């Protein structure tokens, strides 16, 4: 049964995100949203709370936790497998959070984003 997150909030709404314990449960949530609201959303595994959330399709960028690199907060950095995915996330963050970032190659493969 989905619950509201205590740690994760929507980038735009700032409301608690719905947490799903499995990808199957999250996919059921996407089917409900499509039927009920006509919304095309996709599930993603959150690297912060390790639960599944839903995101509008146009905001989704596939990233993986890097096994070698950590950010200033001590958590694994997001690793993007393509320039397109990294550039898409960079543009979303610029538009929604007004931050200036750049893409750089990870020495262990893939790409990261940085403020410096």
C-alpha atoms as a PDB file:
ATOM      1  CA  UNK A   1       0.000   0.000   0.000  1.00  0.00           C
ATOM      2  CA  UNK A   2       1.568   3.327  -1.021  1.00  0.00           C
ATOM      3  CA  UNK A   3       2.340   5.910   1.669  1.00  0.00           C
ATOM      4  CA  UNK A   4       3.500   9.524   1.706  1.00  0.00           C
ATOM      5  CA  UNK A   5       7.227  10.061   2.069  1.00  0.00           C
ATOM      6  CA  UNK A   6       8.766  11.642   5.149  1.00  0.00           C
ATOM      7  CA  UNK A   7      11.986  12.482   3.277  1.00  0.00           C
ATOM      8  CA  UNK A   8      11.175  13.161  -0.391  1.00  0.00           C
ATOM      9  CA  UNK A   9       9.136  16.042  -1.807  1.00  0.00           C
ATOM     10  CA  UNK A  10       8.105  17.076  -5.293  1.00  0.00           C
ATOM     11  CA  UNK A  11      10.494  19.417  -7.101  1.00  0.00           C
ATOM     12  CA  UNK A  12       7.687  21.734  -8.145  1.00  0.00           C
ATOM     13  CA  UNK A  13       4.862  21.105  -5.648  1.00  0.00           C
ATOM     14  CA  UNK A  14       7.109  20.600  -2.579  1.00  0.00           C
ATOM     15  CA  UNK A  15       4.449  18.115  -1.380  1.00  0.00           C
ATOM     16  CA  UNK A  16       5.501  14.713   0.011  1.00  0.00           C
ATOM     17  CA  UNK A  17       5.942  12.144  -2.743  1.00  0.00           C
ATOM     18  CA  UNK A  18       4.077   8.861  -2.707  1.00  0.00           C
ATOM     19  CA  UNK A  19       6.339   5.919  -1.829  1.00  0.00           C
ATOM     20  CA  UNK A  20       5.877   2.494  -3.359  1.00  0.00           C
ATOM     21  CA  UNK A  21       7.740  -0.511  -1.937  1.00  0.00           C
ATOM     22  CA  UNK A  22       8.161  -2.273  -5.290  1.00  0.00           C
ATOM     23  CA  UNK A  23       8.411  -1.456  -8.961  1.00  0.00           C
ATOM     24  CA  UNK A  24       5.246  -3.496  -9.599  1.00  0.00           C
ATOM     25  CA  UNK A  25       3.322  -1.421  -7.068  1.00  0.00           C
ATOM     26  CA  UNK A  26       4.661   1.790  -8.661  1.00  0.00           C
ATOM     27  CA  UNK A  27       3.674   0.571 -12.146  1.00  0.00           C
ATOM     28  CA  UNK A  28       0.149  -0.013 -10.843  1.00  0.00           C
ATOM     29  CA  UNK A  29       0.238   3.629  -9.696  1.00  0.00           C
ATOM     30  CA  UNK A  30       1.175   4.762 -13.209  1.00  0.00           C
ATOM     31  CA  UNK A  31      -1.734   2.800 -14.677  1.00  0.00           C
ATOM     32  CA  UNK A  32      -4.116   4.421 -12.192  1.00  0.00           C
ATOM     33  CA  UNK A  33      -2.800   7.921 -13.017  1.00  0.00           C
ATOM     34  CA  UNK A  34      -3.228   7.301 -16.737  1.00  0.00           C
ATOM     35  CA  UNK A  35      -6.833   6.122 -16.351  1.00  0.00           C
ATOM     36  CA  UNK A  36      -7.831   8.635 -13.674  1.00  0.00           C
ATOM     37  CA  UNK A  37      -5.967  11.767 -14.838  1.00  0.00           C
ATOM     38  CA  UNK A  38      -4.682  11.018 -18.341  1.00  0.00           C
ATOM     39  CA  UNK A  39      -1.134  11.543 -17.015  1.00  0.00           C
ATOM     40  CA  UNK A  40       1.832   9.707 -18.509  1.00  0.00           C
ATOM     41  CA  UNK A  41       4.194   9.114 -15.615  1.00  0.00           C
ATOM     42  CA  UNK A  42       6.994   6.641 -15.023  1.00  0.00           C
ATOM     43  CA  UNK A  43       8.315   4.912 -11.895  1.00  0.00           C
ATOM     44  CA  UNK A  44      11.852   5.448 -10.650  1.00  0.00           C
ATOM     45  CA  UNK A  45      13.879   4.090  -7.751  1.00  0.00           C
ATOM     46  CA  UNK A  46      14.866   6.925  -5.423  1.00  0.00           C
ATOM     47  CA  UNK A  47      18.508   6.978  -4.350  1.00  0.00           C
ATOM     48  CA  UNK A  48      17.606   8.971  -1.223  1.00  0.00           C
ATOM     49  CA  UNK A  49      14.903   6.797   0.396  1.00  0.00           C
ATOM     50  CA  UNK A  50      15.303   3.617  -1.701  1.00  0.00           C
ATOM     51  CA  UNK A  51      11.556   3.495  -2.404  1.00  0.00           C
ATOM     52  CA  UNK A  52       9.825   3.901  -5.754  1.00  0.00           C
ATOM     53  CA  UNK A  53       8.247   7.229  -6.753  1.00  0.00           C
ATOM     54  CA  UNK A  54       6.472   8.443  -9.888  1.00  0.00           C
ATOM     55  CA  UNK A  55       7.648  11.208 -12.184  1.00  0.00           C
ATOM     56  CA  UNK A  56       6.279  12.914 -15.293  1.00  0.00           C
ATOM     57  CA  UNK A  57       7.845  11.257 -18.322  1.00  0.00           C
ATOM     58  CA  UNK A  58       9.471  14.506 -19.507  1.00  0.00           C
ATOM     59  CA  UNK A  59      11.318  14.961 -16.173  1.00  0.00           C
ATOM     60  CA  UNK A  60      12.756  11.464 -16.028  1.00  0.00           C
ATOM     61  CA  UNK A  61      16.445  10.966 -16.690  1.00  0.00           C
ATOM     62  CA  UNK A  62      18.000   7.592 -16.121  1.00  0.00           C
ATOM     63  CA  UNK A  63      20.832   7.796 -13.595  1.00  0.00           C
ATOM     64  CA  UNK A  64      22.562   5.285 -11.364  1.00  0.00           C
ATOM     65  CA  UNK A  65      24.433   5.731  -8.084  1.00  0.00           C
ATOM     66  CA  UNK A  66      28.166   5.835  -8.818  1.00  0.00           C
ATOM     67  CA  UNK A  67      30.024   3.096  -6.960  1.00  0.00           C
ATOM     68  CA  UNK A  68      33.205   5.186  -6.675  1.00  0.00           C
ATOM     69  CA  UNK A  69      32.304   8.891  -6.408  1.00  0.00           C
ATOM     70  CA  UNK A  70      30.505  10.744  -3.617  1.00  0.00           C
ATOM     71  CA  UNK A  71      29.206  14.292  -3.395  1.00  0.00           C
ATOM     72  CA  UNK A  72      29.771  16.853  -0.662  1.00  0.00           C
ATOM     73  CA  UNK A  73      26.912  15.298   1.283  1.00  0.00           C
ATOM     74  CA  UNK A  74      28.719  11.943   1.371  1.00  0.00           C
ATOM     75  CA  UNK A  75      26.119  10.190  -0.793  1.00  0.00           C
ATOM     76  CA  UNK A  76      27.002   8.497  -4.090  1.00  0.00           C
ATOM     77  CA  UNK A  77      26.946  10.859  -7.058  1.00  0.00           C
ATOM     78  CA  UNK A  78      24.428  10.259  -9.823  1.00  0.00           C
ATOM     79  CA  UNK A  79      26.067   8.650 -12.856  1.00  0.00           C
ATOM     80  CA  UNK A  80      24.591   9.178 -16.318  1.00  0.00           C
ATOM     81  CA  UNK A  81      25.377   6.734 -19.102  1.00  0.00           C
ATOM     82  CA  UNK A  82      24.847   9.179 -21.963  1.00  0.00           C
ATOM     83  CA  UNK A  83      25.514  12.819 -22.768  1.00  0.00           C
ATOM     84  CA  UNK A  84      21.835  13.189 -23.634  1.00  0.00           C
ATOM     85  CA  UNK A  85      20.645  11.998 -20.203  1.00  0.00           C
ATOM     86  CA  UNK A  86      23.154  14.221 -18.375  1.00  0.00           C
ATOM     87  CA  UNK A  87      22.266  17.255 -20.513  1.00  0.00           C
ATOM     88  CA  UNK A  88      18.563  16.652 -19.953  1.00  0.00           C
ATOM     89  CA  UNK A  89      19.005  16.517 -16.153  1.00  0.00           C
ATOM     90  CA  UNK A  90      21.237  19.595 -16.293  1.00  0.00           C
ATOM     91  CA  UNK A  91      18.511  21.543 -18.124  1.00  0.00           C
ATOM     92  CA  UNK A  92      15.799  20.392 -15.682  1.00  0.00           C
ATOM     93  CA  UNK A  93      17.909  21.520 -12.708  1.00  0.00           C
ATOM     94  CA  UNK A  94      18.701  24.872 -14.352  1.00  0.00           C
ATOM     95  CA  UNK A  95      15.028  25.499 -15.119  1.00  0.00           C
ATOM     96  CA  UNK A  96      13.588  24.355 -11.761  1.00  0.00           C
ATOM     97  CA  UNK A  97      16.341  25.280  -9.295  1.00  0.00           C
ATOM     98  CA  UNK A  98      18.186  28.045 -11.169  1.00  0.00           C
ATOM     99  CA  UNK A  99      21.577  26.440 -10.618  1.00  0.00           C
ATOM    100  CA  UNK A 100      24.506  26.582 -12.995  1.00  0.00           C
ATOM    101  CA  UNK A 101      25.985  23.140 -13.581  1.00  0.00           C
ATOM    102  CA  UNK A 102      28.216  21.432 -16.072  1.00  0.00           C
ATOM    103  CA  UNK A 103      28.698  17.842 -17.200  1.00  0.00           C
ATOM    104  CA  UNK A 104      32.039  16.119 -16.671  1.00  0.00           C
ATOM    105  CA  UNK A 105      33.303  12.574 -17.255  1.00  0.00           C
ATOM    106  CA  UNK A 106      33.587  10.207 -14.307  1.00  0.00           C
ATOM    107  CA  UNK A 107      37.062   8.631 -14.183  1.00  0.00           C
ATOM    108  CA  UNK A 108      35.347   5.262 -13.683  1.00  0.00           C
ATOM    109  CA  UNK A 109      32.899   5.561 -16.597  1.00  0.00           C
ATOM    110  CA  UNK A 110      29.783   7.595 -17.274  1.00  0.00           C
ATOM    111  CA  UNK A 111      29.131  11.259 -16.562  1.00  0.00           C
ATOM    112  CA  UNK A 112      28.416  13.438 -13.503  1.00  0.00           C
ATOM    113  CA  UNK A 113      27.102  16.946 -12.926  1.00  0.00           C
ATOM    114  CA  UNK A 114      28.974  19.535 -10.878  1.00  0.00           C
ATOM    115  CA  UNK A 115      28.612  23.145  -9.759  1.00  0.00           C
ATOM    116  CA  UNK A 116      32.345  23.860 -10.126  1.00  0.00           C
END
